[in-house]
Amino acid sequence: MYMDFISILSIPLGTFGTTEIVVIVILALLLFGGKKIPELMRGLGTGLKEFKKASEEEKDSESEEVKKEKK
């Protein structure tokens, strides 16, 4: 029983086919409903945008610190 659980966890990602994607979409519709999914995607997009902005700001501040240290 324990080995079966571990073998399930070791399934490599990236092997999703059309059937798997359809099943995931159907499950998402059943779990969240048609009205809630656009709200979830909007929130996900906002979160990704904020993450990219924060990582770019961090990269810029690090490069400025390196330039100050060189002077």
C-alpha atoms as a PDB file:
ATOM      1  CA  MET A   1       0.000   0.000   0.000  1.00  0.00           C
ATOM      2  CA  TYR A   2       2.782   2.435   0.967  1.00  0.00           C
ATOM      3  CA  MET A   3       4.764   1.752  -2.212  1.00  0.00           C
ATOM      4  CA  ASP A   4       1.716   2.376  -4.393  1.00  0.00           C
ATOM      5  CA  PHE A   5       1.312   5.852  -2.882  1.00  0.00           C
ATOM      6  CA  ILE A   6       4.973   6.680  -3.502  1.00  0.00           C
ATOM      7  CA  SER A   7       4.805   5.446  -7.090  1.00  0.00           C
ATOM      8  CA  ILE A   8       1.788   7.695  -7.686  1.00  0.00           C
ATOM      9  CA  LEU A   9       3.768  10.701  -6.424  1.00  0.00           C
ATOM     10  CA  SER A  10       6.677   9.935  -8.737  1.00  0.00           C
ATOM     11  CA  ILE A  11       4.634  10.379 -11.933  1.00  0.00           C
ATOM     12  CA  PRO A  12       6.610  12.831 -14.090  1.00  0.00           C
ATOM     13  CA  LEU A  13       4.908  16.116 -14.886  1.00  0.00           C
ATOM     14  CA  GLY A  14       4.513  17.126 -18.494  1.00  0.00           C
ATOM     15  CA  THR A  15       2.762  13.962 -19.631  1.00  0.00           C
ATOM     16  CA  PHE A  16      -0.706  15.510 -19.749  1.00  0.00           C
ATOM     17  CA  GLY A  17      -2.657  14.534 -22.823  1.00  0.00           C
ATOM     18  CA  THR A  18      -5.917  15.833 -24.180  1.00  0.00           C
ATOM     19  CA  THR A  19      -7.955  13.406 -22.121  1.00  0.00           C
ATOM     20  CA  GLU A  20      -6.303  14.414 -18.856  1.00  0.00           C
ATOM     21  CA  ILE A  21      -6.807  18.109 -19.543  1.00  0.00           C
ATOM     22  CA  VAL A  22     -10.489  17.554 -20.348  1.00  0.00           C
ATOM     23  CA  VAL A  23     -10.950  15.606 -17.111  1.00  0.00           C
ATOM     24  CA  ILE A  24      -9.258  18.365 -15.097  1.00  0.00           C
ATOM     25  CA  VAL A  25     -11.458  21.046 -16.698  1.00  0.00           C
ATOM     26  CA  ILE A  26     -14.621  19.029 -16.006  1.00  0.00           C
ATOM     27  CA  LEU A  27     -13.572  18.498 -12.380  1.00  0.00           C
ATOM     28  CA  ALA A  28     -12.868  22.208 -11.990  1.00  0.00           C
ATOM     29  CA  LEU A  29     -16.299  23.055 -13.371  1.00  0.00           C
ATOM     30  CA  LEU A  30     -17.940  20.608 -10.991  1.00  0.00           C
ATOM     31  CA  LEU A  31     -15.995  21.833  -7.958  1.00  0.00           C
ATOM     32  CA  PHE A  32     -16.152  25.586  -8.508  1.00  0.00           C
ATOM     33  CA  GLY A  33     -19.009  26.184 -10.910  1.00  0.00           C
ATOM     34  CA  GLY A  34     -19.029  28.248 -14.076  1.00  0.00           C
ATOM     35  CA  LYS A  35     -19.369  31.624 -12.348  1.00  0.00           C
ATOM     36  CA  LYS A  36     -16.490  31.179  -9.924  1.00  0.00           C
ATOM     37  CA  ILE A  37     -13.812  30.065 -12.422  1.00  0.00           C
ATOM     38  CA  PRO A  38     -13.394  33.480 -14.144  1.00  0.00           C
ATOM     39  CA  GLU A  39     -12.967  35.091 -10.716  1.00  0.00           C
ATOM     40  CA  LEU A  40     -10.302  32.521  -9.812  1.00  0.00           C
ATOM     41  CA  MET A  41      -8.451  33.071 -13.095  1.00  0.00           C
ATOM     42  CA  ARG A  42      -8.610  36.863 -12.647  1.00  0.00           C
ATOM     43  CA  GLY A  43      -7.112  36.506  -9.180  1.00  0.00           C
ATOM     44  CA  LEU A  44      -4.425  34.180 -10.502  1.00  0.00           C
ATOM     45  CA  GLY A  45      -3.524  36.666 -13.250  1.00  0.00           C
ATOM     46  CA  THR A  46      -3.340  39.527 -10.757  1.00  0.00           C
ATOM     47  CA  GLY A  47      -1.125  37.493  -8.474  1.00  0.00           C
ATOM     48  CA  LEU A  48       1.232  36.559 -11.303  1.00  0.00           C
ATOM     49  CA  LYS A  49       1.436  40.186 -12.432  1.00  0.00           C
ATOM     50  CA  GLU A  50       2.311  41.344  -8.911  1.00  0.00           C
ATOM     51  CA  PHE A  51       4.906  38.576  -8.554  1.00  0.00           C
ATOM     52  CA  LYS A  52       6.607  39.549 -11.823  1.00  0.00           C
ATOM     53  CA  LYS A  53       6.589  43.215 -10.829  1.00  0.00           C
ATOM     54  CA  ALA A  54       8.103  42.444  -7.423  1.00  0.00           C
ATOM     55  CA  SER A  55      10.791  40.195  -8.905  1.00  0.00           C
ATOM     56  CA  GLU A  56      11.728  42.867 -11.472  1.00  0.00           C
ATOM     57  CA  GLU A  57      11.930  45.513  -8.735  1.00  0.00           C
ATOM     58  CA  GLU A  58      14.141  43.215  -6.661  1.00  0.00           C
ATOM     59  CA  LYS A  59      16.403  42.568  -9.640  1.00  0.00           C
ATOM     60  CA  ASP A  60      16.663  46.319 -10.320  1.00  0.00           C
ATOM     61  CA  SER A  61      17.490  47.127  -6.685  1.00  0.00           C
ATOM     62  CA  GLU A  62      20.188  44.437  -6.625  1.00  0.00           C
ATOM     63  CA  SER A  63      21.790  45.787  -9.799  1.00  0.00           C
ATOM     64  CA  GLU A  64      21.773  49.313  -8.348  1.00  0.00           C
ATOM     65  CA  GLU A  65      23.490  48.027  -5.185  1.00  0.00           C
ATOM     66  CA  VAL A  66      26.176  46.325  -7.259  1.00  0.00           C
ATOM     67  CA  LYS A  67      26.785  49.542  -9.217  1.00  0.00           C
ATOM     68  CA  LYS A  68      27.137  51.511  -5.954  1.00  0.00           C
ATOM     69  CA  GLU A  69      29.624  48.981  -4.576  1.00  0.00           C
ATOM     70  CA  LYS A  70      31.786  49.226  -7.701  1.00  0.00           C
ATOM     71  CA  LYS A  71      32.116  53.014  -7.306  1.00  0.00           C
END
